Structure formats: structure tokens, C-alpha cells
Amino acid sequence: MTATQERPAQWRLPYDVFARACPSRGTLEHVTGRWGALTLGALHEGPYRFNELRRRVDGVSEKMLSQTLHALERDGLVHREAQPTNPPRVDYELTPLGREVAERLLALIHCVEGSMDDILTARAAYDARRATP
């Protein structure tokens, strides 16, 4: 029995992220990777220019942000608008699909942020158990 057959009927879709060759895997990686999730979350606040976005997503390198934005644009989640000015101005914003994905990601992000006290307690307990011989 395949993963698709094991799913409830309402979850059966033409794509199956659990299948090795499914194209949805790449998009899932773009969305859930560290920089993709943070970039989508930041863009949910509104449009950003590249350097504004780089400052908002603290710690991302110029190269990684550029690669992330290209991947998200290719997946149809981010719209890139180049203004014909001197110097050129480029704005990034979420597409309607990107907004939907970002809202779901933000729910997860807020869940994690709201649970950090419990997570830090669990980490400390785990580390204490591992440190004792």
C-alpha cells in the first residue's frame, strides 16, 4: 500500500509529497527551510526592497536571500517588481498563493514562539539526562 492509498479520501491529491519524485517536495523545501519560512513571514508584513528584507531577516546573507527569493518567485509565492529608476528599485511581495502559505507558516511560527518556555525546559531536561553518565 502506498502513502497515497493510506491517506483519508479528503486528503488524496494528484501530488504526494511523500513520493520521492513528487515536485511538491522542492516547494516544501523552499517554504519550510530556515530562510524560506522567515522570508515568507517577513513579506507577510508587506512589500520589502531587497536590503530592507535582508535587515528584517536577521542573519541571512545576501547570496542566500537572493537564492531564496528566486526559488520562491519560481514557485509562484513571491512577486518581484523592478522599477525602471536610477538606481533600479526592486520590490518583493507575496502573491495570493504566497500569502496563503505565509499565513499557515505564521500559525506554526506563533505556536513555536508561544511554546518556547516549554521547549527550553524540555531541552534543559534532555541535556541534563545526556550529560549524566
N, C-alpha and C. Protein backbone atom coordinates (compact mmCIF):
# COMPACT_ATOMS: atom_id res chain seq x y z
N MET A 1 0.84 -1.18 0.00
CA MET A 1 0.00 0.00 0.00
C MET A 1 0.89 1.25 0.00
N THR A 2 0.61 2.21 -0.85
CA THR A 2 1.41 3.43 -0.91
C THR A 2 0.90 4.46 0.08
N ALA A 3 1.70 5.50 0.30
CA ALA A 3 1.31 6.57 1.21
C ALA A 3 0.02 7.22 0.75
N THR A 4 -0.17 7.35 -0.56
CA THR A 4 -1.39 7.97 -1.09
C THR A 4 -2.60 7.13 -0.76
N GLN A 5 -2.49 5.82 -0.87
CA GLN A 5 -3.62 4.94 -0.59
C GLN A 5 -3.97 4.93 0.90
N GLU A 6 -3.00 5.18 1.77
CA GLU A 6 -3.24 5.17 3.20
C GLU A 6 -3.91 6.46 3.68
N ARG A 7 -3.86 7.50 2.91
CA ARG A 7 -4.44 8.78 3.29
C ARG A 7 -5.96 8.72 3.27
N PRO A 8 -6.59 9.51 4.16
CA PRO A 8 -8.06 9.61 4.08
C PRO A 8 -8.46 10.19 2.72
N ALA A 9 -9.65 9.87 2.26
CA ALA A 9 -10.10 10.27 0.92
C ALA A 9 -10.01 11.78 0.70
N GLN A 10 -10.33 12.57 1.73
CA GLN A 10 -10.32 14.03 1.54
C GLN A 10 -8.91 14.58 1.37
N TRP A 11 -7.89 13.80 1.70
CA TRP A 11 -6.50 14.25 1.57
C TRP A 11 -5.85 13.74 0.29
N ARG A 12 -6.53 12.92 -0.47
CA ARG A 12 -5.94 12.37 -1.68
C ARG A 12 -5.91 13.42 -2.76
N LEU A 13 -4.71 13.78 -3.16
CA LEU A 13 -4.49 14.80 -4.17
C LEU A 13 -3.65 14.21 -5.29
N PRO A 14 -3.56 14.90 -6.43
CA PRO A 14 -2.74 14.36 -7.52
C PRO A 14 -1.24 14.37 -7.20
N TYR A 15 -0.84 15.08 -6.15
CA TYR A 15 0.57 15.13 -5.76
C TYR A 15 0.73 14.52 -4.39
N ASP A 16 1.86 13.87 -4.18
CA ASP A 16 2.13 13.19 -2.91
C ASP A 16 3.54 13.54 -2.47
N VAL A 17 3.67 14.45 -1.53
CA VAL A 17 4.98 14.93 -1.08
C VAL A 17 5.84 13.80 -0.52
N PHE A 18 5.21 12.70 -0.12
CA PHE A 18 5.97 11.58 0.42
C PHE A 18 6.60 10.72 -0.67
N ALA A 19 6.18 10.93 -1.91
CA ALA A 19 6.76 10.20 -3.04
C ALA A 19 8.04 10.91 -3.48
N ARG A 20 9.09 10.16 -3.66
CA ARG A 20 10.42 10.71 -3.97
C ARG A 20 10.43 11.67 -5.15
N ALA A 21 9.72 11.35 -6.20
CA ALA A 21 9.78 12.15 -7.43
C ALA A 21 8.73 13.26 -7.49
N CYS A 22 7.95 13.44 -6.44
CA CYS A 22 6.89 14.44 -6.48
C CYS A 22 7.47 15.86 -6.48
N PRO A 23 7.03 16.71 -7.42
CA PRO A 23 7.56 18.07 -7.49
C PRO A 23 7.19 18.93 -6.29
N SER A 24 6.21 18.51 -5.51
CA SER A 24 5.83 19.30 -4.33
C SER A 24 6.93 19.28 -3.26
N ARG A 25 7.80 18.29 -3.30
CA ARG A 25 8.90 18.22 -2.32
C ARG A 25 9.81 19.44 -2.40
N GLY A 26 10.15 19.84 -3.61
CA GLY A 26 11.02 21.00 -3.78
C GLY A 26 10.40 22.26 -3.21
N THR A 27 9.11 22.45 -3.50
CA THR A 27 8.43 23.63 -2.97
C THR A 27 8.35 23.56 -1.45
N LEU A 28 8.07 22.39 -0.92
CA LEU A 28 8.03 22.24 0.54
C LEU A 28 9.38 22.60 1.16
N GLU A 29 10.46 22.20 0.52
CA GLU A 29 11.79 22.56 1.00
C GLU A 29 12.00 24.07 0.95
N HIS A 30 11.56 24.72 -0.12
CA HIS A 30 11.72 26.17 -0.25
C HIS A 30 10.93 26.90 0.83
N VAL A 31 9.74 26.40 1.13
CA VAL A 31 8.85 27.06 2.08
C VAL A 31 9.27 26.80 3.53
N THR A 32 9.71 25.59 3.83
CA THR A 32 9.97 25.24 5.23
C THR A 32 11.43 25.36 5.63
N GLY A 33 12.31 25.62 4.67
CA GLY A 33 13.70 25.86 5.03
C GLY A 33 13.80 27.13 5.87
N ARG A 34 14.87 27.26 6.61
CA ARG A 34 15.02 28.40 7.51
C ARG A 34 14.77 29.73 6.80
N TRP A 35 15.45 29.97 5.70
CA TRP A 35 15.35 31.27 5.06
C TRP A 35 14.04 31.44 4.32
N GLY A 36 13.49 30.38 3.76
CA GLY A 36 12.21 30.48 3.08
C GLY A 36 11.09 30.85 4.04
N ALA A 37 11.03 30.15 5.16
CA ALA A 37 9.98 30.42 6.14
C ALA A 37 10.09 31.85 6.69
N LEU A 38 11.31 32.27 7.00
CA LEU A 38 11.49 33.62 7.55
C LEU A 38 11.21 34.69 6.50
N THR A 39 11.58 34.43 5.26
CA THR A 39 11.33 35.39 4.19
C THR A 39 9.83 35.52 3.94
N LEU A 40 9.13 34.41 3.86
CA LEU A 40 7.68 34.46 3.67
C LEU A 40 7.00 35.16 4.85
N GLY A 41 7.45 34.87 6.06
CA GLY A 41 6.89 35.51 7.24
C GLY A 41 7.10 37.02 7.21
N ALA A 42 8.29 37.44 6.83
CA ALA A 42 8.58 38.88 6.75
C ALA A 42 7.74 39.54 5.67
N LEU A 43 7.64 38.91 4.51
CA LEU A 43 6.88 39.50 3.41
C LEU A 43 5.38 39.54 3.70
N HIS A 44 4.93 38.76 4.66
CA HIS A 44 3.53 38.82 5.06
C HIS A 44 3.21 40.19 5.67
N GLU A 45 4.24 40.85 6.20
CA GLU A 45 4.07 42.19 6.79
C GLU A 45 3.84 43.24 5.71
N GLY A 46 4.25 42.96 4.48
CA GLY A 46 4.10 43.90 3.37
C GLY A 46 5.28 43.83 2.45
N PRO A 47 5.26 44.61 1.36
CA PRO A 47 6.36 44.58 0.40
C PRO A 47 7.66 45.11 1.02
N TYR A 48 8.76 44.56 0.55
CA TYR A 48 10.08 44.99 1.01
C TYR A 48 11.00 45.14 -0.19
N ARG A 49 11.91 46.06 -0.09
CA ARG A 49 13.04 46.10 -1.01
C ARG A 49 14.06 45.09 -0.50
N PHE A 50 14.99 44.69 -1.38
CA PHE A 50 15.93 43.62 -1.04
C PHE A 50 16.68 43.90 0.27
N ASN A 51 17.31 45.05 0.39
CA ASN A 51 18.12 45.32 1.60
C ASN A 51 17.26 45.49 2.84
N GLU A 52 16.05 45.99 2.69
CA GLU A 52 15.13 46.07 3.82
C GLU A 52 14.78 44.67 4.30
N LEU A 53 14.55 43.78 3.35
CA LEU A 53 14.21 42.40 3.68
C LEU A 53 15.40 41.70 4.33
N ARG A 54 16.58 41.98 3.84
CA ARG A 54 17.79 41.37 4.42
C ARG A 54 17.98 41.82 5.87
N ARG A 55 17.67 43.07 6.16
CA ARG A 55 17.76 43.55 7.54
C ARG A 55 16.67 42.92 8.41
N ARG A 56 15.48 42.73 7.83
CA ARG A 56 14.36 42.15 8.59
C ARG A 56 14.62 40.69 8.92
N VAL A 57 15.19 39.95 7.98
CA VAL A 57 15.50 38.53 8.19
C VAL A 57 16.95 38.48 8.69
N ASP A 58 17.12 38.82 9.93
CA ASP A 58 18.44 38.95 10.54
C ASP A 58 19.26 37.67 10.39
N GLY A 59 20.48 37.82 9.89
CA GLY A 59 21.39 36.68 9.77
C GLY A 59 21.49 36.08 8.38
N VAL A 60 20.55 36.40 7.49
CA VAL A 60 20.61 35.84 6.14
C VAL A 60 21.66 36.60 5.34
N SER A 61 22.45 35.86 4.57
CA SER A 61 23.43 36.51 3.70
C SER A 61 22.74 37.00 2.44
N GLU A 62 23.40 37.92 1.76
CA GLU A 62 22.86 38.44 0.51
C GLU A 62 22.65 37.30 -0.48
N LYS A 63 23.63 36.40 -0.57
CA LYS A 63 23.55 35.27 -1.51
C LYS A 63 22.36 34.36 -1.18
N MET A 64 22.19 34.02 0.10
CA MET A 64 21.10 33.12 0.49
C MET A 64 19.74 33.77 0.29
N LEU A 65 19.64 35.06 0.60
CA LEU A 65 18.36 35.74 0.39
C LEU A 65 18.03 35.78 -1.10
N SER A 66 19.02 36.06 -1.92
CA SER A 66 18.80 36.10 -3.36
C SER A 66 18.33 34.74 -3.87
N GLN A 67 19.00 33.67 -3.45
CA GLN A 67 18.61 32.32 -3.86
C GLN A 67 17.20 31.97 -3.37
N THR A 68 16.90 32.36 -2.15
CA THR A 68 15.59 32.09 -1.57
C THR A 68 14.50 32.81 -2.33
N LEU A 69 14.73 34.09 -2.62
CA LEU A 69 13.73 34.86 -3.36
C LEU A 69 13.52 34.31 -4.76
N HIS A 70 14.59 33.89 -5.43
CA HIS A 70 14.45 33.29 -6.77
C HIS A 70 13.60 32.02 -6.70
N ALA A 71 13.88 31.17 -5.71
CA ALA A 71 13.13 29.92 -5.58
C ALA A 71 11.66 30.19 -5.29
N LEU A 72 11.39 31.13 -4.38
CA LEU A 72 10.00 31.45 -4.02
C LEU A 72 9.27 32.13 -5.18
N GLU A 73 9.98 32.93 -5.95
CA GLU A 73 9.38 33.55 -7.13
C GLU A 73 9.06 32.48 -8.17
N ARG A 74 9.98 31.56 -8.38
CA ARG A 74 9.77 30.47 -9.36
C ARG A 74 8.56 29.62 -8.97
N ASP A 75 8.37 29.42 -7.66
CA ASP A 75 7.24 28.62 -7.17
C ASP A 75 5.93 29.41 -7.17
N GLY A 76 5.98 30.69 -7.53
CA GLY A 76 4.76 31.49 -7.60
C GLY A 76 4.31 32.05 -6.27
N LEU A 77 5.21 32.10 -5.29
CA LEU A 77 4.85 32.59 -3.96
C LEU A 77 5.23 34.05 -3.74
N VAL A 78 6.22 34.51 -4.50
CA VAL A 78 6.72 35.88 -4.37
C VAL A 78 6.69 36.55 -5.74
N HIS A 79 6.29 37.81 -5.74
CA HIS A 79 6.31 38.62 -6.95
C HIS A 79 7.44 39.63 -6.84
N ARG A 80 8.24 39.72 -7.88
CA ARG A 80 9.37 40.66 -7.95
C ARG A 80 8.99 41.76 -8.92
N GLU A 81 9.05 42.99 -8.46
CA GLU A 81 8.72 44.14 -9.30
C GLU A 81 9.92 45.05 -9.41
N ALA A 82 10.46 45.15 -10.62
CA ALA A 82 11.61 46.03 -10.87
C ALA A 82 11.10 47.35 -11.42
N GLN A 83 11.46 48.44 -10.74
CA GLN A 83 11.06 49.78 -11.18
C GLN A 83 12.16 50.34 -12.09
N PRO A 84 11.79 50.93 -13.21
CA PRO A 84 12.80 51.47 -14.13
C PRO A 84 13.30 52.84 -13.66
N THR A 85 13.96 52.85 -12.53
CA THR A 85 14.51 54.09 -11.98
C THR A 85 16.02 53.99 -11.94
N ASN A 86 16.66 55.10 -11.62
CA ASN A 86 18.11 55.09 -11.49
C ASN A 86 18.46 55.61 -10.11
N PRO A 87 18.99 54.80 -9.20
CA PRO A 87 19.30 53.37 -9.37
C PRO A 87 18.03 52.53 -9.43
N PRO A 88 18.14 51.32 -9.98
CA PRO A 88 16.96 50.46 -10.08
C PRO A 88 16.37 50.16 -8.70
N ARG A 89 15.07 50.10 -8.64
CA ARG A 89 14.38 49.76 -7.41
C ARG A 89 13.65 48.44 -7.65
N VAL A 90 13.86 47.49 -6.76
CA VAL A 90 13.20 46.19 -6.87
C VAL A 90 12.44 45.93 -5.57
N ASP A 91 11.15 45.67 -5.70
CA ASP A 91 10.30 45.37 -4.56
C ASP A 91 9.86 43.91 -4.63
N TYR A 92 9.72 43.30 -3.48
CA TYR A 92 9.25 41.92 -3.37
C TYR A 92 7.99 41.91 -2.53
N GLU A 93 7.00 41.15 -2.98
CA GLU A 93 5.78 41.00 -2.20
C GLU A 93 5.20 39.61 -2.45
N LEU A 94 4.32 39.20 -1.56
CA LEU A 94 3.69 37.89 -1.70
C LEU A 94 2.61 37.92 -2.77
N THR A 95 2.49 36.81 -3.48
CA THR A 95 1.37 36.60 -4.37
C THR A 95 0.20 36.11 -3.50
N PRO A 96 -1.00 36.01 -4.04
CA PRO A 96 -2.10 35.45 -3.24
C PRO A 96 -1.77 34.05 -2.69
N LEU A 97 -1.14 33.21 -3.49
CA LEU A 97 -0.75 31.89 -3.01
C LEU A 97 0.32 32.03 -1.92
N GLY A 98 1.27 32.92 -2.11
CA GLY A 98 2.30 33.15 -1.11
C GLY A 98 1.72 33.63 0.20
N ARG A 99 0.68 34.47 0.12
CA ARG A 99 0.02 34.97 1.34
C ARG A 99 -0.64 33.82 2.09
N GLU A 100 -1.30 32.92 1.35
CA GLU A 100 -1.95 31.77 1.98
C GLU A 100 -0.92 30.88 2.68
N VAL A 101 0.18 30.61 1.98
CA VAL A 101 1.24 29.77 2.57
C VAL A 101 1.85 30.47 3.78
N ALA A 102 2.11 31.77 3.67
CA ALA A 102 2.71 32.52 4.78
C ALA A 102 1.81 32.52 6.00
N GLU A 103 0.51 32.64 5.81
CA GLU A 103 -0.41 32.63 6.95
C GLU A 103 -0.35 31.30 7.70
N ARG A 104 -0.23 30.22 6.95
CA ARG A 104 -0.13 28.90 7.59
C ARG A 104 1.21 28.75 8.32
N LEU A 105 2.26 29.26 7.69
CA LEU A 105 3.59 29.23 8.34
C LEU A 105 3.60 30.07 9.60
N LEU A 106 2.98 31.25 9.55
CA LEU A 106 2.95 32.12 10.71
C LEU A 106 2.20 31.48 11.87
N ALA A 107 1.17 30.69 11.59
CA ALA A 107 0.48 29.96 12.66
C ALA A 107 1.46 29.01 13.35
N LEU A 108 2.28 28.32 12.57
CA LEU A 108 3.29 27.43 13.14
C LEU A 108 4.35 28.22 13.91
N ILE A 109 4.81 29.33 13.32
CA ILE A 109 5.82 30.17 13.97
C ILE A 109 5.29 30.68 15.31
N HIS A 110 4.05 31.15 15.34
CA HIS A 110 3.47 31.66 16.59
C HIS A 110 3.29 30.54 17.60
N CYS A 111 2.96 29.35 17.15
CA CYS A 111 2.85 28.20 18.04
C CYS A 111 4.20 27.91 18.70
N VAL A 112 5.26 27.91 17.90
CA VAL A 112 6.60 27.65 18.43
C VAL A 112 7.02 28.76 19.39
N GLU A 113 6.82 30.02 18.98
CA GLU A 113 7.19 31.14 19.86
C GLU A 113 6.43 31.08 21.18
N GLY A 114 5.15 30.74 21.14
CA GLY A 114 4.34 30.67 22.34
C GLY A 114 4.68 29.49 23.23
N SER A 115 5.37 28.51 22.69
CA SER A 115 5.73 27.31 23.45
C SER A 115 7.20 27.30 23.87
N MET A 116 7.91 28.39 23.66
CA MET A 116 9.36 28.39 23.90
C MET A 116 9.74 28.09 25.34
N ASP A 117 8.96 28.53 26.32
CA ASP A 117 9.30 28.20 27.70
C ASP A 117 9.30 26.68 27.89
N ASP A 118 8.27 26.00 27.39
CA ASP A 118 8.20 24.54 27.48
C ASP A 118 9.32 23.88 26.69
N ILE A 119 9.63 24.42 25.53
CA ILE A 119 10.69 23.86 24.69
C ILE A 119 12.04 24.00 25.38
N LEU A 120 12.31 25.16 25.95
CA LEU A 120 13.59 25.38 26.65
C LEU A 120 13.70 24.48 27.87
N THR A 121 12.59 24.28 28.57
CA THR A 121 12.59 23.36 29.72
C THR A 121 12.88 21.94 29.25
N ALA A 122 12.25 21.52 28.16
CA ALA A 122 12.48 20.17 27.62
C ALA A 122 13.92 20.01 27.17
N ARG A 123 14.49 21.02 26.54
CA ARG A 123 15.89 20.96 26.11
C ARG A 123 16.82 20.81 27.30
N ALA A 124 16.59 21.59 28.33
CA ALA A 124 17.45 21.53 29.52
C ALA A 124 17.37 20.16 30.17
N ALA A 125 16.15 19.61 30.26
CA ALA A 125 15.99 18.27 30.85
C ALA A 125 16.69 17.22 29.99
N TYR A 126 16.54 17.31 28.69
CA TYR A 126 17.20 16.37 27.77
C TYR A 126 18.72 16.46 27.93
N ASP A 127 19.25 17.69 27.90
CA ASP A 127 20.69 17.89 28.02
C ASP A 127 21.20 17.37 29.36
N ALA A 128 20.43 17.55 30.43
CA ALA A 128 20.84 17.06 31.75
C ALA A 128 20.89 15.53 31.75
N ARG A 129 19.91 14.89 31.13
CA ARG A 129 19.90 13.42 31.05
C ARG A 129 21.07 12.90 30.25
N ARG A 130 21.42 13.59 29.18
CA ARG A 130 22.51 13.15 28.31
C ARG A 130 23.88 13.41 28.94
N ALA A 131 23.97 14.40 29.83
CA ALA A 131 25.24 14.76 30.44
C ALA A 131 25.63 13.81 31.57
N THR A 132 24.67 13.19 32.20
CA THR A 132 24.99 12.28 33.30
C THR A 132 25.31 10.90 32.77
N PRO A 133 26.43 10.34 33.25
CA PRO A 133 26.84 9.01 32.76
C PRO A 133 26.00 7.88 33.28
